């Protein structure tokens, strides 16, 4: 019988052939009307999904030349980050549609994901705050390809160009094509984790 490795290799061979792939029909998406009950209570949704421990990142983008008000670089704290594809190298993160940082990242067309290390919860809180200069007093240098801020003291950094953006309810799914990456100063430190509303 074919083992897991054999099945995986066969799947890769199949996907690399020129066979046409039939697209699945798009699901019908709609908002819940005010006069109907949501299928899942939002509080319960948050409580249950909070059981999943996640790493914590800060997604940054360089300042865009000519942007109104001469705004500096953009950045926000992000838990919903993951690797997506090895060939080509892709990663993804999710961002709320109401995010004020996302339009600036979208205009830049590039971003850097900074993977936070244990003890950087203060940095995470700073990048989650609104109405403040999130980069005040934060040591960083430009990522090699995008020029996006690469924060000091992190586990790793992933430099990307925006590859695709998909809708996902009240969030957007942003896919980035990796252009450079590396480990940070704290590569051997444990990661900063978020679980059930608190940092670990």
N, C-alpha and C. Protein backbone atom coordinates (compact mmCIF):
# COMPACT_ATOMS: atom_id res chain seq x y z
N UNK A 1 0.84 -1.20 0.00
CA UNK A 1 0.00 0.00 0.00
C UNK A 1 0.88 1.26 0.00
N UNK A 2 0.36 2.32 -0.57
CA UNK A 2 1.10 3.57 -0.65
C UNK A 2 1.04 4.28 0.71
N UNK A 3 2.18 4.66 1.26
CA UNK A 3 2.23 5.37 2.54
C UNK A 3 1.89 6.83 2.36
N UNK A 4 1.93 7.58 3.48
CA UNK A 4 1.61 9.02 3.43
C UNK A 4 2.56 9.78 2.51
N UNK A 5 3.87 9.44 2.59
CA UNK A 5 4.84 10.14 1.75
C UNK A 5 4.57 9.88 0.27
N UNK A 6 4.21 8.62 -0.06
CA UNK A 6 3.90 8.29 -1.45
C UNK A 6 2.67 9.01 -1.96
N UNK A 7 1.64 9.08 -1.10
CA UNK A 7 0.42 9.78 -1.49
C UNK A 7 0.69 11.26 -1.70
N UNK A 8 1.50 11.86 -0.81
CA UNK A 8 1.83 13.28 -0.95
C UNK A 8 2.58 13.53 -2.24
N UNK A 9 3.56 12.64 -2.55
CA UNK A 9 4.33 12.81 -3.79
C UNK A 9 3.42 12.67 -5.01
N UNK A 10 2.48 11.72 -4.97
CA UNK A 10 1.54 11.54 -6.09
C UNK A 10 0.67 12.77 -6.25
N UNK A 11 0.24 13.35 -5.14
CA UNK A 11 -0.60 14.55 -5.20
C UNK A 11 0.16 15.71 -5.83
N UNK A 12 1.43 15.85 -5.44
CA UNK A 12 2.25 16.92 -6.01
C UNK A 12 2.43 16.72 -7.52
N UNK A 13 2.71 15.47 -7.93
CA UNK A 13 2.85 15.18 -9.36
C UNK A 13 1.57 15.52 -10.11
N UNK A 14 0.42 15.15 -9.51
CA UNK A 14 -0.88 15.41 -10.15
C UNK A 14 -1.10 16.92 -10.30
N UNK A 15 -0.81 17.66 -9.23
CA UNK A 15 -1.07 19.10 -9.26
C UNK A 15 -0.13 19.83 -10.20
N UNK A 16 1.03 19.22 -10.49
CA UNK A 16 1.99 19.88 -11.38
C UNK A 16 1.76 19.56 -12.84
N UNK A 17 0.78 18.72 -13.14
CA UNK A 17 0.46 18.42 -14.54
C UNK A 17 -0.41 19.53 -15.11
N UNK A 18 -0.70 19.44 -16.39
CA UNK A 18 -1.50 20.47 -17.04
C UNK A 18 -2.99 20.17 -17.03
N UNK A 19 -3.41 19.24 -16.16
CA UNK A 19 -4.84 18.93 -16.10
C UNK A 19 -5.62 20.17 -15.69
N UNK A 20 -6.74 20.45 -16.36
CA UNK A 20 -7.54 21.61 -15.95
C UNK A 20 -8.17 21.36 -14.58
N UNK A 21 -8.22 22.41 -13.78
CA UNK A 21 -8.83 22.32 -12.45
C UNK A 21 -10.16 23.05 -12.49
N UNK A 22 -11.21 22.33 -12.19
CA UNK A 22 -12.54 22.93 -12.23
C UNK A 22 -12.77 23.75 -10.97
N UNK A 23 -13.12 25.00 -11.14
CA UNK A 23 -13.35 25.87 -9.99
C UNK A 23 -14.63 25.48 -9.27
N UNK A 24 -14.57 25.52 -7.95
CA UNK A 24 -15.77 25.24 -7.16
C UNK A 24 -16.69 26.45 -7.21
N UNK A 25 -18.01 26.23 -7.11
CA UNK A 25 -18.92 27.38 -7.11
C UNK A 25 -18.69 28.23 -5.87
N UNK A 26 -18.80 29.53 -6.02
CA UNK A 26 -18.60 30.43 -4.88
C UNK A 26 -19.76 30.30 -3.92
N UNK A 27 -19.48 30.20 -2.61
CA UNK A 27 -20.58 30.10 -1.65
C UNK A 27 -21.35 31.42 -1.58
N UNK A 28 -22.62 31.32 -1.27
CA UNK A 28 -23.44 32.52 -1.14
C UNK A 28 -23.19 33.13 0.23
N UNK A 29 -22.69 34.36 0.25
CA UNK A 29 -22.40 35.04 1.50
C UNK A 29 -23.36 36.21 1.67
N UNK A 30 -23.86 36.37 2.87
CA UNK A 30 -24.73 37.52 3.14
C UNK A 30 -24.63 37.87 4.61
N UNK A 31 -25.01 39.07 4.93
CA UNK A 31 -25.02 39.51 6.32
C UNK A 31 -26.28 39.02 7.02
N UNK A 32 -26.18 38.85 8.34
CA UNK A 32 -27.36 38.48 9.13
C UNK A 32 -28.22 39.73 9.29
N UNK A 33 -29.51 39.60 8.96
CA UNK A 33 -30.40 40.75 9.07
C UNK A 33 -30.67 41.07 10.54
N UNK A 34 -31.10 42.31 10.79
CA UNK A 34 -31.37 42.74 12.17
C UNK A 34 -32.50 41.94 12.80
N UNK A 35 -33.43 41.42 11.97
CA UNK A 35 -34.58 40.71 12.52
C UNK A 35 -34.36 39.20 12.65
N UNK A 36 -33.13 38.74 12.41
CA UNK A 36 -32.86 37.32 12.56
C UNK A 36 -31.69 37.09 13.50
N UNK A 37 -31.69 35.93 14.12
CA UNK A 37 -30.67 35.60 15.10
C UNK A 37 -29.40 35.14 14.39
N UNK A 38 -28.24 35.61 14.86
CA UNK A 38 -26.97 35.17 14.31
C UNK A 38 -26.81 33.67 14.59
N UNK A 39 -26.24 32.91 13.66
CA UNK A 39 -26.11 31.46 13.86
C UNK A 39 -25.23 31.10 15.05
N UNK A 40 -24.27 31.98 15.38
CA UNK A 40 -23.38 31.74 16.52
C UNK A 40 -23.23 33.04 17.29
N UNK A 41 -23.38 32.97 18.61
CA UNK A 41 -23.20 34.14 19.46
C UNK A 41 -21.75 34.62 19.38
N UNK A 42 -21.54 35.93 19.16
CA UNK A 42 -20.19 36.45 18.98
C UNK A 42 -19.32 36.25 20.22
N UNK A 43 -19.91 36.43 21.39
CA UNK A 43 -19.15 36.23 22.62
C UNK A 43 -18.69 34.78 22.77
N UNK A 44 -19.59 33.84 22.44
CA UNK A 44 -19.24 32.43 22.51
C UNK A 44 -18.20 32.08 21.46
N UNK A 45 -18.32 32.70 20.29
CA UNK A 45 -17.33 32.49 19.23
C UNK A 45 -15.94 32.87 19.72
N UNK A 46 -15.84 34.07 20.31
CA UNK A 46 -14.54 34.54 20.82
C UNK A 46 -14.02 33.63 21.93
N UNK A 47 -14.92 33.21 22.83
CA UNK A 47 -14.50 32.38 23.96
C UNK A 47 -13.93 31.05 23.49
N UNK A 48 -14.65 30.39 22.58
CA UNK A 48 -14.21 29.08 22.12
C UNK A 48 -12.95 29.18 21.28
N UNK A 49 -12.92 30.13 20.34
CA UNK A 49 -11.74 30.27 19.48
C UNK A 49 -10.52 30.75 20.25
N UNK A 50 -10.76 31.37 21.41
CA UNK A 50 -9.65 31.79 22.26
C UNK A 50 -8.88 30.62 22.84
N UNK A 51 -9.44 29.41 22.73
CA UNK A 51 -8.75 28.21 23.20
C UNK A 51 -7.56 27.87 22.32
N UNK A 52 -7.54 28.43 21.11
CA UNK A 52 -6.43 28.17 20.19
C UNK A 52 -5.32 29.17 20.47
N UNK A 53 -4.19 28.69 20.99
CA UNK A 53 -3.05 29.57 21.26
C UNK A 53 -2.39 29.97 19.94
N UNK A 54 -2.05 31.23 19.81
CA UNK A 54 -1.42 31.69 18.58
C UNK A 54 -0.18 32.49 18.89
N UNK A 55 0.72 32.51 17.92
CA UNK A 55 1.86 33.39 18.01
C UNK A 55 1.41 34.82 17.77
N UNK A 56 2.30 35.77 18.00
CA UNK A 56 1.95 37.18 17.84
C UNK A 56 2.97 37.84 16.93
N UNK A 57 2.48 38.62 15.99
CA UNK A 57 3.36 39.33 15.06
C UNK A 57 2.99 40.80 15.02
N UNK A 58 3.88 41.59 14.47
CA UNK A 58 3.58 42.98 14.10
C UNK A 58 3.85 43.08 12.60
N UNK A 59 2.85 43.47 11.85
CA UNK A 59 2.97 43.65 10.41
C UNK A 59 3.26 45.13 10.16
N UNK A 60 4.34 45.42 9.43
CA UNK A 60 4.73 46.80 9.18
C UNK A 60 4.84 47.07 7.68
N UNK A 61 4.78 48.33 7.33
CA UNK A 61 4.96 48.75 5.93
C UNK A 61 5.69 50.08 5.92
N UNK A 62 6.47 50.36 4.88
CA UNK A 62 7.20 51.63 4.82
C UNK A 62 6.27 52.79 4.54
N UNK A 63 6.75 53.98 4.86
CA UNK A 63 6.00 55.19 4.52
C UNK A 63 5.89 55.28 3.01
N UNK A 64 4.75 55.78 2.55
CA UNK A 64 4.53 55.95 1.11
C UNK A 64 4.81 57.39 0.74
N UNK A 65 5.69 57.59 -0.22
CA UNK A 65 6.05 58.93 -0.64
C UNK A 65 4.83 59.68 -1.16
N UNK A 66 4.67 60.92 -0.70
CA UNK A 66 3.56 61.73 -1.17
C UNK A 66 2.25 61.44 -0.46
N UNK A 67 2.25 60.56 0.56
CA UNK A 67 1.02 60.25 1.29
C UNK A 67 0.56 61.49 2.04
N UNK A 68 -0.75 61.67 2.13
CA UNK A 68 -1.31 62.85 2.79
C UNK A 68 -0.77 62.99 4.20
N UNK A 69 -0.36 64.20 4.55
CA UNK A 69 0.09 64.47 5.91
C UNK A 69 1.50 63.98 6.19
N UNK A 70 2.18 63.44 5.20
CA UNK A 70 3.54 62.96 5.41
C UNK A 70 3.63 61.89 6.48
N UNK A 71 2.65 60.99 6.53
CA UNK A 71 2.63 59.95 7.55
C UNK A 71 3.85 59.06 7.43
N UNK A 72 4.29 58.56 8.58
CA UNK A 72 5.45 57.68 8.61
C UNK A 72 5.05 56.26 8.27
N UNK A 73 5.84 55.29 8.71
CA UNK A 73 5.53 53.89 8.41
C UNK A 73 4.25 53.45 9.13
N UNK A 74 3.68 52.36 8.63
CA UNK A 74 2.45 51.82 9.22
C UNK A 74 2.77 50.50 9.91
N UNK A 75 1.93 50.13 10.87
CA UNK A 75 2.13 48.85 11.53
C UNK A 75 0.99 48.52 12.46
N UNK A 76 0.71 47.25 12.63
CA UNK A 76 -0.32 46.83 13.58
C UNK A 76 -0.02 45.45 14.13
N UNK A 77 -0.50 45.17 15.33
CA UNK A 77 -0.33 43.86 15.96
C UNK A 77 -1.27 42.87 15.30
N UNK A 78 -0.76 41.67 15.02
CA UNK A 78 -1.54 40.68 14.27
C UNK A 78 -1.29 39.28 14.80
N UNK A 79 -2.37 38.61 15.23
CA UNK A 79 -2.27 37.22 15.68
C UNK A 79 -2.58 36.25 14.54
N UNK A 80 -3.35 36.71 13.57
CA UNK A 80 -3.82 35.80 12.52
C UNK A 80 -2.85 35.78 11.35
N UNK A 81 -1.69 35.19 11.58
CA UNK A 81 -0.66 35.07 10.56
C UNK A 81 -0.30 33.60 10.40
N UNK A 82 -0.03 33.18 9.18
CA UNK A 82 0.42 31.80 8.98
C UNK A 82 1.18 31.67 7.67
N UNK A 83 1.98 30.61 7.59
CA UNK A 83 2.60 30.26 6.32
C UNK A 83 1.51 29.66 5.44
N UNK A 84 1.64 29.77 4.14
CA UNK A 84 0.58 29.33 3.23
C UNK A 84 1.10 28.36 2.17
N UNK A 85 2.22 28.67 1.55
CA UNK A 85 2.70 27.86 0.44
C UNK A 85 4.22 27.87 0.42
N UNK A 86 4.79 26.72 0.05
CA UNK A 86 6.24 26.62 -0.07
C UNK A 86 6.70 26.96 -1.49
N UNK A 87 5.90 26.60 -2.49
CA UNK A 87 6.26 26.81 -3.89
C UNK A 87 5.06 27.33 -4.66
N UNK A 88 4.94 28.66 -4.85
CA UNK A 88 5.89 29.70 -4.45
C UNK A 88 5.79 29.99 -2.96
N UNK A 89 6.78 30.67 -2.39
CA UNK A 89 6.73 30.96 -0.96
C UNK A 89 5.70 32.05 -0.65
N UNK A 90 4.62 31.65 0.01
CA UNK A 90 3.54 32.57 0.35
C UNK A 90 3.21 32.50 1.83
N UNK A 91 2.82 33.64 2.39
CA UNK A 91 2.30 33.70 3.75
C UNK A 91 0.98 34.45 3.71
N UNK A 92 0.24 34.43 4.81
CA UNK A 92 -1.04 35.13 4.84
C UNK A 92 -1.28 35.73 6.21
N UNK A 93 -2.00 36.84 6.24
CA UNK A 93 -2.49 37.38 7.50
C UNK A 93 -3.89 37.93 7.27
N UNK A 94 -4.64 38.04 8.36
CA UNK A 94 -5.99 38.58 8.29
C UNK A 94 -6.03 39.94 8.99
N UNK A 95 -6.76 40.87 8.40
CA UNK A 95 -6.87 42.21 8.97
C UNK A 95 -8.32 42.67 8.87
N UNK A 96 -8.79 43.34 9.91
CA UNK A 96 -10.17 43.84 9.93
C UNK A 96 -10.40 44.89 8.86
N UNK A 97 -11.58 44.87 8.29
CA UNK A 97 -11.90 45.83 7.23
C UNK A 97 -11.85 47.27 7.72
N UNK A 98 -12.04 47.48 9.04
CA UNK A 98 -12.05 48.84 9.58
C UNK A 98 -10.66 49.30 10.01
N UNK A 99 -9.65 48.48 9.79
CA UNK A 99 -8.29 48.84 10.19
C UNK A 99 -7.85 50.12 9.50
N UNK A 100 -7.24 51.02 10.27
CA UNK A 100 -6.72 52.25 9.68
C UNK A 100 -5.31 52.04 9.11
N UNK A 101 -4.64 50.98 9.55
CA UNK A 101 -3.29 50.70 9.04
C UNK A 101 -3.34 50.01 7.68
N UNK A 102 -4.37 49.18 7.47
CA UNK A 102 -4.41 48.39 6.23
C UNK A 102 -4.38 49.23 4.96
N UNK A 103 -5.15 50.33 4.83
CA UNK A 103 -5.08 51.11 3.59
C UNK A 103 -3.67 51.61 3.29
N UNK A 104 -2.92 51.94 4.33
CA UNK A 104 -1.55 52.42 4.13
C UNK A 104 -0.63 51.28 3.70
N UNK A 105 -0.84 50.08 4.27
CA UNK A 105 -0.06 48.92 3.85
C UNK A 105 -0.39 48.57 2.40
N UNK A 106 -1.69 48.63 2.07
CA UNK A 106 -2.12 48.33 0.70
C UNK A 106 -1.50 49.30 -0.29
N UNK A 107 -1.43 50.58 0.06
CA UNK A 107 -0.82 51.57 -0.84
C UNK A 107 0.67 51.31 -1.01
N UNK A 108 1.31 50.85 0.06
CA UNK A 108 2.75 50.55 -0.04
C UNK A 108 2.98 49.34 -0.94
N UNK A 109 2.05 48.37 -0.89
CA UNK A 109 2.18 47.17 -1.74
C UNK A 109 3.15 46.14 -1.20
N UNK A 110 3.76 46.42 -0.06
CA UNK A 110 4.74 45.53 0.55
C UNK A 110 4.55 45.56 2.06
N UNK A 111 5.09 44.55 2.74
CA UNK A 111 5.01 44.54 4.21
C UNK A 111 6.08 43.61 4.76
N UNK A 112 6.33 43.76 6.06
CA UNK A 112 7.25 42.88 6.77
C UNK A 112 6.52 42.34 8.00
N UNK A 113 6.57 41.02 8.18
CA UNK A 113 5.97 40.39 9.35
C UNK A 113 7.09 40.19 10.38
N UNK A 114 6.90 40.76 11.57
CA UNK A 114 7.86 40.64 12.66
C UNK A 114 7.30 39.68 13.69
N UNK A 115 7.95 38.53 13.90
CA UNK A 115 7.47 37.52 14.83
C UNK A 115 8.02 37.85 16.22
N UNK A 116 7.11 38.15 17.16
CA UNK A 116 7.54 38.63 18.47
C UNK A 116 8.02 37.51 19.38
N UNK A 117 8.97 37.86 20.22
CA UNK A 117 9.52 36.92 21.20
C UNK A 117 8.88 37.15 22.56
N UNK A 118 9.01 36.17 23.45
CA UNK A 118 8.48 36.29 24.81
C UNK A 118 9.08 37.55 25.45
N UNK A 119 8.25 38.30 26.14
CA UNK A 119 8.71 39.54 26.75
C UNK A 119 8.42 40.76 25.90
N UNK A 120 7.96 40.56 24.66
CA UNK A 120 7.64 41.71 23.80
C UNK A 120 6.15 42.03 23.82
N UNK A 121 5.45 41.63 24.90
CA UNK A 121 4.02 41.93 24.98
C UNK A 121 3.76 43.44 25.03
N UNK A 122 4.69 44.21 25.62
CA UNK A 122 4.53 45.67 25.63
C UNK A 122 4.57 46.23 24.22
N UNK A 123 5.44 45.68 23.39
CA UNK A 123 5.53 46.10 22.00
C UNK A 123 4.24 45.77 21.27
N UNK A 124 3.70 44.58 21.55
CA UNK A 124 2.43 44.19 20.93
C UNK A 124 1.32 45.15 21.31
N UNK A 125 1.24 45.49 22.60
CA UNK A 125 0.20 46.43 23.06
C UNK A 125 0.36 47.79 22.40
N UNK A 126 1.60 48.24 22.21
CA UNK A 126 1.83 49.54 21.57
C UNK A 126 1.31 49.54 20.15
N UNK A 127 1.49 48.42 19.44
CA UNK A 127 1.03 48.35 18.05
C UNK A 127 -0.45 47.99 17.93
N UNK A 128 -1.08 47.68 19.06
CA UNK A 128 -2.53 47.44 19.06
C UNK A 128 -3.29 48.70 19.44
N UNK A 129 -2.59 49.68 20.01
CA UNK A 129 -3.23 50.92 20.44
C UNK A 129 -3.58 51.79 19.24
N UNK A 130 -4.60 52.62 19.39
CA UNK A 130 -4.98 53.52 18.30
C UNK A 130 -4.73 54.97 18.72
N UNK A 131 -4.52 55.81 17.73
CA UNK A 131 -4.32 57.23 17.99
C UNK A 131 -2.97 57.59 18.57
N UNK A 132 -1.98 56.70 18.43
CA UNK A 132 -0.64 56.98 18.96
C UNK A 132 0.40 56.76 17.86
N UNK A 133 1.61 57.29 18.12
CA UNK A 133 2.72 57.00 17.21
C UNK A 133 3.29 55.65 17.64
N UNK A 134 2.93 54.62 16.93
CA UNK A 134 3.30 53.26 17.32
C UNK A 134 4.80 53.00 17.23
N UNK A 135 5.51 53.80 16.47
CA UNK A 135 6.94 53.58 16.29
C UNK A 135 7.80 54.42 17.23
N UNK A 136 7.16 55.23 18.09
CA UNK A 136 7.92 56.09 19.00
C UNK A 136 8.77 55.24 19.93
N UNK A 137 10.06 55.46 19.90
CA UNK A 137 10.98 54.74 20.78
C UNK A 137 11.21 53.30 20.43
N UNK A 138 10.72 52.84 19.27
CA UNK A 138 10.88 51.44 18.86
C UNK A 138 12.07 51.32 17.91
N UNK A 139 13.05 50.52 18.32
CA UNK A 139 14.24 50.33 17.47
C UNK A 139 13.89 49.47 16.27
N UNK A 140 14.28 49.91 15.10
CA UNK A 140 14.02 49.14 13.88
C UNK A 140 14.97 49.58 12.78
N UNK A 141 15.11 48.72 11.77
CA UNK A 141 15.87 49.06 10.58
C UNK A 141 15.04 48.61 9.38
N UNK A 142 15.38 49.04 8.16
CA UNK A 142 14.58 48.67 6.99
C UNK A 142 14.82 47.23 6.56
N UNK A 143 13.74 46.50 6.28
CA UNK A 143 13.85 45.16 5.71
C UNK A 143 14.54 45.28 4.35
N UNK A 144 15.30 44.27 3.94
CA UNK A 144 16.18 44.42 2.77
C UNK A 144 15.50 44.67 1.42
N UNK A 145 14.30 44.15 1.22
CA UNK A 145 13.65 44.33 -0.08
C UNK A 145 12.57 45.41 -0.02
N UNK A 146 11.66 45.30 0.94
CA UNK A 146 10.52 46.23 1.01
C UNK A 146 10.87 47.56 1.65
N UNK A 147 11.86 47.55 2.54
CA UNK A 147 12.16 48.77 3.30
C UNK A 147 11.21 48.97 4.47
N UNK A 148 10.30 48.02 4.69
CA UNK A 148 9.37 48.10 5.82
C UNK A 148 10.15 47.95 7.13
N UNK A 149 9.67 48.57 8.21
CA UNK A 149 10.40 48.46 9.48
C UNK A 149 10.55 47.01 9.96
N UNK A 150 11.79 46.64 10.24
CA UNK A 150 12.13 45.34 10.80
C UNK A 150 12.48 45.61 12.26
N UNK A 151 11.62 45.14 13.17
CA UNK A 151 11.73 45.51 14.57
C UNK A 151 12.84 44.75 15.28
N UNK A 152 13.48 45.41 16.24
CA UNK A 152 14.57 44.80 16.99
C UNK A 152 14.01 43.82 18.03
N UNK A 153 14.80 42.81 18.34
CA UNK A 153 14.46 41.88 19.41
C UNK A 153 13.45 40.81 19.05
N UNK A 154 13.19 40.61 17.78
CA UNK A 154 12.18 39.63 17.36
C UNK A 154 12.80 38.26 17.10
N UNK A 155 11.92 37.26 16.99
CA UNK A 155 12.37 35.91 16.66
C UNK A 155 12.74 35.80 15.18
N UNK A 156 11.93 36.42 14.33
CA UNK A 156 12.12 36.28 12.88
C UNK A 156 11.43 37.42 12.16
N UNK A 157 11.77 37.58 10.90
CA UNK A 157 11.12 38.58 10.05
C UNK A 157 10.92 37.97 8.67
N UNK A 158 9.81 38.36 8.04
CA UNK A 158 9.47 37.87 6.70
C UNK A 158 9.09 39.08 5.85
N UNK A 159 9.89 39.35 4.85
CA UNK A 159 9.69 40.49 3.96
C UNK A 159 8.83 40.04 2.77
N UNK A 160 7.80 40.80 2.43
CA UNK A 160 6.82 40.34 1.43
C UNK A 160 6.34 41.45 0.51
N UNK A 161 5.84 41.02 -0.64
CA UNK A 161 5.07 41.88 -1.53
C UNK A 161 3.64 41.35 -1.53
N UNK A 162 2.67 42.24 -1.59
CA UNK A 162 1.27 41.79 -1.59
C UNK A 162 1.00 41.01 -2.87
N UNK A 163 0.51 39.79 -2.71
CA UNK A 163 0.28 38.86 -3.82
C UNK A 163 -1.20 38.81 -4.20
N UNK A 164 -2.08 38.83 -3.18
CA UNK A 164 -3.53 38.77 -3.42
C UNK A 164 -4.24 39.20 -2.15
N UNK A 165 -5.47 39.65 -2.31
CA UNK A 165 -6.33 40.02 -1.18
C UNK A 165 -7.70 39.42 -1.41
N UNK A 166 -8.20 38.69 -0.42
CA UNK A 166 -9.50 38.04 -0.53
C UNK A 166 -10.41 38.52 0.59
N UNK A 167 -11.71 38.53 0.33
CA UNK A 167 -12.66 38.93 1.37
C UNK A 167 -12.93 37.74 2.29
N UNK A 168 -13.16 38.05 3.56
CA UNK A 168 -13.48 37.02 4.55
C UNK A 168 -14.36 37.60 5.62
N UNK A 169 -15.64 37.84 5.29
CA UNK A 169 -16.55 38.41 6.28
C UNK A 169 -16.14 39.83 6.64
N UNK A 170 -15.95 40.08 7.95
CA UNK A 170 -15.57 41.43 8.38
C UNK A 170 -14.05 41.63 8.33
N UNK A 171 -13.33 40.65 7.76
CA UNK A 171 -11.88 40.75 7.62
C UNK A 171 -11.47 40.58 6.15
N UNK A 172 -10.23 40.91 5.88
CA UNK A 172 -9.61 40.64 4.58
C UNK A 172 -8.49 39.63 4.80
N UNK A 173 -8.32 38.73 3.84
CA UNK A 173 -7.23 37.76 3.88
C UNK A 173 -6.16 38.25 2.91
N UNK A 174 -5.03 38.63 3.45
CA UNK A 174 -3.96 39.20 2.64
C UNK A 174 -2.88 38.13 2.43
N UNK A 175 -2.59 37.84 1.18
CA UNK A 175 -1.56 36.86 0.84
C UNK A 175 -0.32 37.62 0.39
N UNK A 176 0.82 37.27 0.98
CA UNK A 176 2.07 37.92 0.62
C UNK A 176 3.05 36.96 -0.01
N UNK A 177 3.74 37.41 -1.03
CA UNK A 177 4.82 36.60 -1.64
C UNK A 177 6.12 36.98 -0.96
N UNK A 178 6.79 35.98 -0.39
CA UNK A 178 8.00 36.23 0.39
C UNK A 178 9.16 36.59 -0.53
N UNK A 179 9.81 37.72 -0.23
CA UNK A 179 10.95 38.18 -1.03
C UNK A 179 12.27 38.04 -0.27
N UNK A 180 12.20 37.97 1.05
CA UNK A 180 13.38 37.77 1.90
C UNK A 180 12.88 37.40 3.28
N UNK A 181 13.73 36.73 4.05
CA UNK A 181 13.34 36.37 5.42
C UNK A 181 14.58 35.99 6.20
N UNK A 182 14.43 35.98 7.51
CA UNK A 182 15.57 35.61 8.35
C UNK A 182 15.16 35.56 9.80
N UNK A 183 16.06 35.06 10.62
CA UNK A 183 15.82 35.04 12.06
C UNK A 183 16.32 36.35 12.65
N UNK A 184 15.73 36.72 13.79
CA UNK A 184 16.08 37.97 14.44
C UNK A 184 17.08 37.80 15.55
N UNK A 185 17.28 38.89 16.30
CA UNK A 185 18.24 38.90 17.39
C UNK A 185 17.88 37.88 18.48
N UNK A 186 16.59 37.63 18.65
CA UNK A 186 16.12 36.75 19.72
C UNK A 186 15.74 35.37 19.17
N UNK A 187 16.44 34.92 18.13
CA UNK A 187 16.07 33.69 17.44
C UNK A 187 15.95 32.49 18.36
N UNK A 188 16.73 32.43 19.44
CA UNK A 188 16.72 31.28 20.34
C UNK A 188 15.75 31.46 21.51
N UNK A 189 15.09 32.60 21.59
CA UNK A 189 14.16 32.86 22.70
C UNK A 189 12.83 32.18 22.44
N UNK A 190 12.03 31.94 23.49
CA UNK A 190 10.69 31.39 23.26
C UNK A 190 9.79 32.44 22.60
N UNK A 191 8.73 32.00 21.94
CA UNK A 191 7.84 32.96 21.26
C UNK A 191 6.86 33.62 22.23
N UNK A 192 6.35 34.76 21.83
CA UNK A 192 5.24 35.38 22.55
C UNK A 192 3.96 34.70 22.07
N UNK A 193 3.17 34.16 23.00
CA UNK A 193 1.93 33.49 22.67
C UNK A 193 0.75 34.19 23.29
N UNK A 194 -0.40 34.08 22.63
CA UNK A 194 -1.64 34.67 23.14
C UNK A 194 -2.67 33.54 23.26
N UNK A 195 -3.27 33.43 24.45
CA UNK A 195 -4.21 32.33 24.71
C UNK A 195 -5.24 32.80 25.72
N UNK A 196 -6.53 32.64 25.35
CA UNK A 196 -7.64 32.99 26.22
C UNK A 196 -7.51 34.40 26.81
N UNK A 197 -7.17 35.33 25.92
CA UNK A 197 -7.16 36.73 26.30
C UNK A 197 -5.94 37.23 27.04
N UNK A 198 -4.90 36.40 27.12
CA UNK A 198 -3.69 36.87 27.81
C UNK A 198 -2.44 36.33 27.13
N UNK A 199 -1.33 37.02 27.42
CA UNK A 199 -0.05 36.61 26.85
C UNK A 199 0.56 35.50 27.71
N UNK A 200 1.25 34.57 27.06
CA UNK A 200 1.94 33.49 27.75
C UNK A 200 3.45 33.65 27.56
